[in-house]
């Protein structure tokens, strides 16, 4: 091959790649224009949709229930121990006033 033939094919390759790139860009622009109504609709939806509410209220209720159950469990154990000691006569009740 002569040098001029190599230059021709190199220039042809560069021109072909440039044409393919421009074709892809034009096709992408046509697709965007064709679907612009969907893009605008999505943008309007994002702007007008209601703000999501935080679901933290459920977590607060769960924590309150667990705390209540724990407190009642502790009171049950303390009350059971006090009744058991009183039944065995080990209870030492302190009288603060002269009653």
C-alpha atoms as a PDB file:
ATOM      1  CA  UNK A   1       0.000   0.000   0.000  1.00  0.00           C
ATOM      2  CA  UNK A   2       1.148   3.449  -0.748  1.00  0.00           C
ATOM      3  CA  UNK A   3       1.316   6.183   1.801  1.00  0.00           C
ATOM      4  CA  UNK A   4      -1.509   8.036   0.090  1.00  0.00           C
ATOM      5  CA  UNK A   5      -3.768   4.969   0.411  1.00  0.00           C
ATOM      6  CA  UNK A   6      -3.007   4.733   4.139  1.00  0.00           C
ATOM      7  CA  UNK A   7      -3.800   8.409   4.570  1.00  0.00           C
ATOM      8  CA  UNK A   8      -7.052   7.926   2.656  1.00  0.00           C
ATOM      9  CA  UNK A   9      -8.169   5.008   4.852  1.00  0.00           C
ATOM     10  CA  UNK A  10      -7.135   6.792   8.025  1.00  0.00           C
ATOM     11  CA  UNK A  11      -9.100   9.911   7.019  1.00  0.00           C
ATOM     12  CA  UNK A  12     -11.999   7.721   5.941  1.00  0.00           C
ATOM     13  CA  UNK A  13     -11.984   5.976   9.351  1.00  0.00           C
ATOM     14  CA  UNK A  14     -11.882   9.292  11.202  1.00  0.00           C
ATOM     15  CA  UNK A  15     -14.714  10.668   9.068  1.00  0.00           C
ATOM     16  CA  UNK A  16     -16.769   7.488   9.560  1.00  0.00           C
ATOM     17  CA  UNK A  17     -16.347   7.596  13.347  1.00  0.00           C
ATOM     18  CA  UNK A  18     -17.261  11.296  13.421  1.00  0.00           C
ATOM     19  CA  UNK A  19     -20.373  10.635  11.316  1.00  0.00           C
ATOM     20  CA  UNK A  20     -21.420   7.749  13.589  1.00  0.00           C
ATOM     21  CA  UNK A  21     -20.963   9.926  16.657  1.00  0.00           C
ATOM     22  CA  UNK A  22     -23.043  12.739  15.166  1.00  0.00           C
ATOM     23  CA  UNK A  23     -25.709  10.238  14.181  1.00  0.00           C
ATOM     24  CA  UNK A  24     -25.902   8.899  17.745  1.00  0.00           C
ATOM     25  CA  UNK A  25     -26.144  12.440  19.119  1.00  0.00           C
ATOM     26  CA  UNK A  26     -28.965  13.330  16.696  1.00  0.00           C
ATOM     27  CA  UNK A  27     -30.796  10.105  17.531  1.00  0.00           C
ATOM     28  CA  UNK A  28     -30.476  10.805  21.265  1.00  0.00           C
ATOM     29  CA  UNK A  29     -31.792  14.351  20.742  1.00  0.00           C
ATOM     30  CA  UNK A  30     -34.785  12.992  18.778  1.00  0.00           C
ATOM     31  CA  UNK A  31     -35.586  10.460  21.505  1.00  0.00           C
ATOM     32  CA  UNK A  32     -35.396  13.107  24.207  1.00  0.00           C
ATOM     33  CA  UNK A  33     -37.649  15.408  22.202  1.00  0.00           C
ATOM     34  CA  UNK A  34     -40.068  12.559  21.469  1.00  0.00           C
ATOM     35  CA  UNK A  35     -40.353  11.699  25.175  1.00  0.00           C
ATOM     36  CA  UNK A  36     -40.204  15.258  26.510  1.00  0.00           C
ATOM     37  CA  UNK A  37     -43.802  15.051  27.753  1.00  0.00           C
ATOM     38  CA  UNK A  38     -42.803  12.127  29.995  1.00  0.00           C
ATOM     39  CA  UNK A  39     -39.783  13.997  31.299  1.00  0.00           C
ATOM     40  CA  UNK A  40     -41.894  17.079  32.072  1.00  0.00           C
ATOM     41  CA  UNK A  41     -44.591  14.941  33.654  1.00  0.00           C
ATOM     42  CA  UNK A  42     -42.040  13.291  35.932  1.00  0.00           C
ATOM     43  CA  UNK A  43     -40.589  16.666  36.881  1.00  0.00           C
ATOM     44  CA  UNK A  44     -44.049  18.058  37.715  1.00  0.00           C
ATOM     45  CA  UNK A  45     -44.876  14.925  39.729  1.00  0.00           C
ATOM     46  CA  UNK A  46     -41.687  15.272  41.765  1.00  0.00           C
ATOM     47  CA  UNK A  47     -42.446  18.917  42.503  1.00  0.00           C
ATOM     48  CA  UNK A  48     -46.110  18.376  43.435  1.00  0.00           C
ATOM     49  CA  UNK A  49     -46.080  15.070  45.283  1.00  0.00           C
ATOM     50  CA  UNK A  50     -46.801  15.222  49.002  1.00  0.00           C
ATOM     51  CA  UNK A  51     -43.886  15.020  51.358  1.00  0.00           C
ATOM     52  CA  UNK A  52     -43.491  11.581  52.911  1.00  0.00           C
ATOM     53  CA  UNK A  53     -44.469  11.439  56.550  1.00  0.00           C
ATOM     54  CA  UNK A  54     -42.052  10.108  59.085  1.00  0.00           C
ATOM     55  CA  UNK A  55     -43.174   6.812  60.564  1.00  0.00           C
ATOM     56  CA  UNK A  56     -41.405   7.415  63.865  1.00  0.00           C
ATOM     57  CA  UNK A  57     -44.687   7.476  65.821  1.00  0.00           C
ATOM     58  CA  UNK A  58     -44.864   3.705  65.632  1.00  0.00           C
ATOM     59  CA  UNK A  59     -41.396   3.408  67.131  1.00  0.00           C
ATOM     60  CA  UNK A  60     -42.335   5.652  70.063  1.00  0.00           C
ATOM     61  CA  UNK A  61     -45.396   3.510  70.791  1.00  0.00           C
ATOM     62  CA  UNK A  62     -43.303   0.334  70.680  1.00  0.00           C
ATOM     63  CA  UNK A  63     -40.748   1.798  73.093  1.00  0.00           C
ATOM     64  CA  UNK A  64     -43.547   2.893  75.467  1.00  0.00           C
ATOM     65  CA  UNK A  65     -45.090  -0.593  75.408  1.00  0.00           C
ATOM     66  CA  UNK A  66     -41.755  -2.285  76.113  1.00  0.00           C
ATOM     67  CA  UNK A  67     -41.007   0.141  78.954  1.00  0.00           C
ATOM     68  CA  UNK A  68     -44.462  -0.416  80.480  1.00  0.00           C
ATOM     69  CA  UNK A  69     -44.099  -4.195  80.335  1.00  0.00           C
ATOM     70  CA  UNK A  70     -40.630  -3.961  81.895  1.00  0.00           C
ATOM     71  CA  UNK A  71     -41.890  -1.750  84.735  1.00  0.00           C
ATOM     72  CA  UNK A  72     -44.845  -4.057  85.444  1.00  0.00           C
ATOM     73  CA  UNK A  73     -42.517  -7.051  85.401  1.00  0.00           C
ATOM     74  CA  UNK A  74     -40.186  -5.388  87.888  1.00  0.00           C
ATOM     75  CA  UNK A  75     -43.104  -4.412  90.142  1.00  0.00           C
ATOM     76  CA  UNK A  76     -44.431  -7.983  89.957  1.00  0.00           C
ATOM     77  CA  UNK A  77     -41.078  -9.383  91.098  1.00  0.00           C
ATOM     78  CA  UNK A  78     -40.761  -6.832  93.926  1.00  0.00           C
ATOM     79  CA  UNK A  79     -44.358  -7.383  95.066  1.00  0.00           C
ATOM     80  CA  UNK A  80     -43.942 -11.164  94.983  1.00  0.00           C
ATOM     81  CA  UNK A  81     -40.784 -10.930  97.063  1.00  0.00           C
ATOM     82  CA  UNK A  82     -42.498  -8.663  99.598  1.00  0.00           C
ATOM     83  CA  UNK A  83     -45.515 -10.993  99.933  1.00  0.00           C
ATOM     84  CA  UNK A  84     -43.253 -14.009 100.332  1.00  0.00           C
ATOM     85  CA  UNK A  85     -41.213 -12.342 103.085  1.00  0.00           C
ATOM     86  CA  UNK A  86     -44.377 -11.209 104.856  1.00  0.00           C
ATOM     87  CA  UNK A  87     -45.756 -14.766 104.777  1.00  0.00           C
ATOM     88  CA  UNK A  88     -42.548 -16.095 106.375  1.00  0.00           C
ATOM     89  CA  UNK A  89     -42.494 -13.303 108.948  1.00  0.00           C
ATOM     90  CA  UNK A  90     -39.260 -11.779 107.661  1.00  0.00           C
ATOM     91  CA  UNK A  91     -40.831  -8.475 106.752  1.00  0.00           C
ATOM     92  CA  UNK A  92     -39.581  -5.549 108.800  1.00  0.00           C
ATOM     93  CA  UNK A  93     -42.056  -2.777 108.383  1.00  0.00           C
ATOM     94  CA  UNK A  94     -40.939   0.644 109.503  1.00  0.00           C
ATOM     95  CA  UNK A  95     -43.613   2.768 111.148  1.00  0.00           C
ATOM     96  CA  UNK A  96     -42.864   6.407 110.560  1.00  0.00           C
ATOM     97  CA  UNK A  97     -45.676   7.838 112.643  1.00  0.00           C
ATOM     98  CA  UNK A  98     -47.342   6.637 115.805  1.00  0.00           C
ATOM     99  CA  UNK A  99     -50.126   4.779 113.950  1.00  0.00           C
END
